């Protein structure tokens, strides 16, 4: 559980990670493969930032998430969620492109911990963003995000279901 391990938890940028990554295993194969094979390249190319949750006492990777910039059409947000005062056709957003928790740490609150850290980082950066966007890889993950306050976009086409979390008072 998160609370029991709190003194030993740390979230580091991938570039600062000193722990071997090949032991990380998660139930969603595409997220595991990305972490092992592609994330370093994407970080070096400036396509994403990756943050890794570790337990320093066990020298274990618990999970990770990636952040990148995004612009979304305001028309993709359900109309009832938009407050007046947005004069632009697109709004700035941040995408959690990937979020995964190791098999050994599933259902212990670490996913929620990673989301909270991402929101904290976004709100404390000097760049504007109206919403946080996630792509749910399956229906159980959609439920996880909805329990955390994420709202599904209206009828967006794509491989994965997309949800958003309001970061400002412009979107409710």
Protein backbone atom coordinates (compact mmCIF):
# COMPACT_ATOMS: atom_id res chain seq x y z
CA UNK A 1 0.00 0.00 0.00
CA UNK A 2 1.09 3.56 -0.71
CA UNK A 3 0.74 4.76 2.89
CA UNK A 4 2.95 1.98 4.29
CA UNK A 5 5.74 2.70 1.81
CA UNK A 6 5.47 6.50 1.65
CA UNK A 7 8.88 7.16 3.29
CA UNK A 8 10.56 5.02 0.61
CA UNK A 9 8.69 6.32 -2.45
CA UNK A 10 10.20 8.70 -4.95
CA UNK A 11 9.21 9.89 -8.40
CA UNK A 12 12.14 10.58 -10.69
CA UNK A 13 12.48 11.71 -14.28
CA UNK A 14 13.52 8.71 -16.39
CA UNK A 15 16.88 10.36 -17.12
CA UNK A 16 17.75 10.25 -13.39
CA UNK A 17 16.76 6.62 -12.90
CA UNK A 18 19.54 4.41 -11.50
CA UNK A 19 17.50 1.21 -11.17
CA UNK A 20 17.42 -1.56 -13.77
CA UNK A 21 14.24 -1.32 -15.85
CA UNK A 22 14.01 -4.84 -17.23
CA UNK A 23 12.28 -6.22 -14.12
CA UNK A 24 9.23 -3.99 -14.67
CA UNK A 25 6.20 -6.03 -15.71
CA UNK A 26 2.60 -4.90 -16.09
CA UNK A 27 -0.65 -6.54 -17.25
CA UNK A 28 -0.95 -4.35 -20.36
CA UNK A 29 1.75 -5.66 -22.72
CA UNK A 30 1.86 -2.52 -24.89
CA UNK A 31 2.69 -0.39 -21.81
CA UNK A 32 5.37 -2.81 -20.66
CA UNK A 33 6.97 -2.97 -24.13
CA UNK A 34 6.93 0.80 -24.44
CA UNK A 35 8.73 1.20 -21.12
CA UNK A 36 11.39 -1.38 -22.03
CA UNK A 37 11.94 -0.50 -25.68
CA UNK A 38 10.80 2.99 -26.67
CA UNK A 39 10.45 5.47 -23.83
CA UNK A 40 14.16 6.38 -23.70
CA UNK A 41 14.13 7.27 -27.40
CA UNK A 42 10.98 9.37 -27.03
CA UNK A 43 12.45 11.24 -24.05
CA UNK A 44 15.72 11.92 -25.93
CA UNK A 45 13.77 13.22 -28.94
CA UNK A 46 11.76 15.56 -26.72
CA UNK A 47 8.47 13.83 -27.57
CA UNK A 48 7.56 13.06 -23.97
CA UNK A 49 8.70 13.31 -20.37
CA UNK A 50 8.65 10.12 -18.33
CA UNK A 51 8.38 9.96 -14.55
CA UNK A 52 9.12 6.75 -12.67
CA UNK A 53 7.81 5.80 -9.22
CA UNK A 54 10.35 3.80 -7.26
CA UNK A 55 10.59 2.19 -3.86
CA UNK A 56 14.13 3.08 -2.78
CA UNK A 57 14.15 0.54 0.04
CA UNK A 58 13.49 -2.33 -2.37
CA UNK A 59 15.24 -0.77 -5.40
CA UNK A 60 12.06 -1.52 -7.36
CA UNK A 61 10.17 0.31 -10.06
CA UNK A 62 6.53 0.53 -9.03
CA UNK A 63 5.15 2.37 -12.04
CA UNK A 64 5.58 5.18 -14.53
CA UNK A 65 3.72 7.77 -16.54
CA UNK A 66 4.51 9.99 -19.52
CA UNK A 67 3.48 13.59 -20.16
CA UNK A 68 3.39 15.51 -23.41
CA UNK A 69 1.78 18.67 -24.73
CA UNK A 70 -1.49 18.55 -26.59
CA UNK A 71 -3.98 20.92 -28.17
CA UNK A 72 -7.59 19.79 -28.38
CA UNK A 73 -10.57 21.31 -30.19
CA UNK A 74 -12.94 22.94 -27.71
CA UNK A 75 -15.74 21.23 -29.65
CA UNK A 76 -14.49 17.87 -28.30
CA UNK A 77 -15.42 18.90 -24.76
CA UNK A 78 -19.08 18.24 -23.86
CA UNK A 79 -20.87 21.61 -24.21
CA UNK A 80 -22.26 21.51 -20.64
CA UNK A 81 -18.70 21.34 -19.30
CA UNK A 82 -17.51 24.59 -20.92
CA UNK A 83 -17.74 27.87 -19.03
CA UNK A 84 -18.08 31.05 -21.05
CA UNK A 85 -14.92 32.92 -21.87
CA UNK A 86 -12.93 30.59 -24.11
CA UNK A 87 -12.44 32.59 -27.32
CA UNK A 88 -10.29 30.01 -29.11
CA UNK A 89 -11.13 26.95 -31.21
CA UNK A 90 -8.51 24.85 -29.37
CA UNK A 91 -7.44 24.64 -25.75
CA UNK A 92 -4.06 23.68 -24.29
CA UNK A 93 -3.89 20.29 -22.64
CA UNK A 94 -1.43 17.78 -21.27
CA UNK A 95 -1.57 14.13 -22.29
CA UNK A 96 -0.73 11.23 -20.02
CA UNK A 97 0.18 9.06 -22.97
CA UNK A 98 1.03 6.07 -20.83
CA UNK A 99 0.59 5.13 -17.19
CA UNK A 100 1.39 1.68 -15.82
CA UNK A 101 1.92 -0.03 -12.48
CA UNK A 102 4.05 -3.16 -12.01
CA UNK A 103 2.18 -6.47 -11.53
CA UNK A 104 3.41 -6.79 -7.93
CA UNK A 105 1.94 -3.39 -7.00
CA UNK A 106 -1.48 -3.54 -8.68
CA UNK A 107 -4.62 -2.46 -6.76
CA UNK A 108 -2.67 -0.81 -3.93
CA UNK A 109 -3.27 2.85 -4.76
CA UNK A 110 -0.15 3.47 -6.83
CA UNK A 111 -2.03 4.37 -10.02
CA UNK A 112 -3.94 7.05 -8.11
CA UNK A 113 -0.64 8.21 -6.59
CA UNK A 114 0.88 8.59 -10.07
CA UNK A 115 -2.15 10.56 -11.33
CA UNK A 116 -1.96 12.87 -8.29
CA UNK A 117 1.74 13.46 -8.97
CA UNK A 118 1.05 14.25 -12.64
CA UNK A 119 -1.67 16.77 -11.71
CA UNK A 120 0.65 18.37 -9.15
CA UNK A 121 3.46 18.69 -11.71
CA UNK A 122 1.15 20.19 -14.33
CA UNK A 123 -0.40 22.72 -11.95
CA UNK A 124 3.05 23.81 -10.78
CA UNK A 125 4.62 24.30 -14.19
CA UNK A 126 4.73 27.74 -15.83
CA UNK A 127 2.84 26.49 -18.89
CA UNK A 128 -0.93 26.79 -19.25
CA UNK A 129 -3.15 23.75 -19.63
CA UNK A 130 -6.94 23.59 -19.27
CA UNK A 131 -7.32 19.80 -19.15
CA UNK A 132 -5.38 16.61 -18.52
CA UNK A 133 -6.13 13.94 -21.14
CA UNK A 134 -5.73 10.17 -20.83
CA UNK A 135 -6.23 7.30 -23.26
CA UNK A 136 -7.76 4.26 -21.59
CA UNK A 137 -6.52 0.99 -23.06
CA UNK A 138 -9.59 -1.00 -21.88
CA UNK A 139 -12.94 -0.65 -20.08
CA UNK A 140 -11.62 -1.40 -16.59
CA UNK A 141 -9.11 1.41 -17.01
CA UNK A 142 -11.94 3.75 -18.09
CA UNK A 143 -13.66 2.92 -14.77
CA UNK A 144 -10.45 3.64 -12.85
CA UNK A 145 -10.12 7.09 -14.42
CA UNK A 146 -13.82 7.90 -13.94
CA UNK A 147 -13.53 7.11 -10.21
CA UNK A 148 -10.75 9.73 -10.08
CA UNK A 149 -12.98 12.40 -11.65
CA UNK A 150 -12.06 12.04 -15.33
CA UNK A 151 -14.84 12.62 -17.88
CA UNK A 152 -15.11 10.84 -21.22
CA UNK A 153 -14.86 12.98 -24.34
CA UNK A 154 -17.92 13.02 -26.51
CA UNK A 155 -17.72 10.63 -29.44
CA UNK A 156 -14.02 10.87 -30.22
CA UNK A 157 -12.87 8.35 -32.76
CA UNK A 158 -9.63 6.53 -32.19
CA UNK A 159 -8.02 3.35 -31.00
CA UNK A 160 -8.56 4.08 -27.31
CA UNK A 161 -11.26 5.82 -25.30
CA UNK A 162 -10.14 9.30 -24.26
CA UNK A 163 -11.03 11.03 -21.01
CA UNK A 164 -10.19 14.43 -19.55
CA UNK A 165 -9.74 15.99 -16.13
CA UNK A 166 -10.43 19.73 -15.75
CA UNK A 167 -7.40 21.68 -14.52
CA UNK A 168 -8.93 25.18 -14.63
CA UNK A 169 -12.28 26.80 -13.96
CA UNK A 170 -12.83 27.22 -17.71
CA UNK A 171 -13.78 23.55 -17.91
CA UNK A 172 -16.04 22.07 -15.24
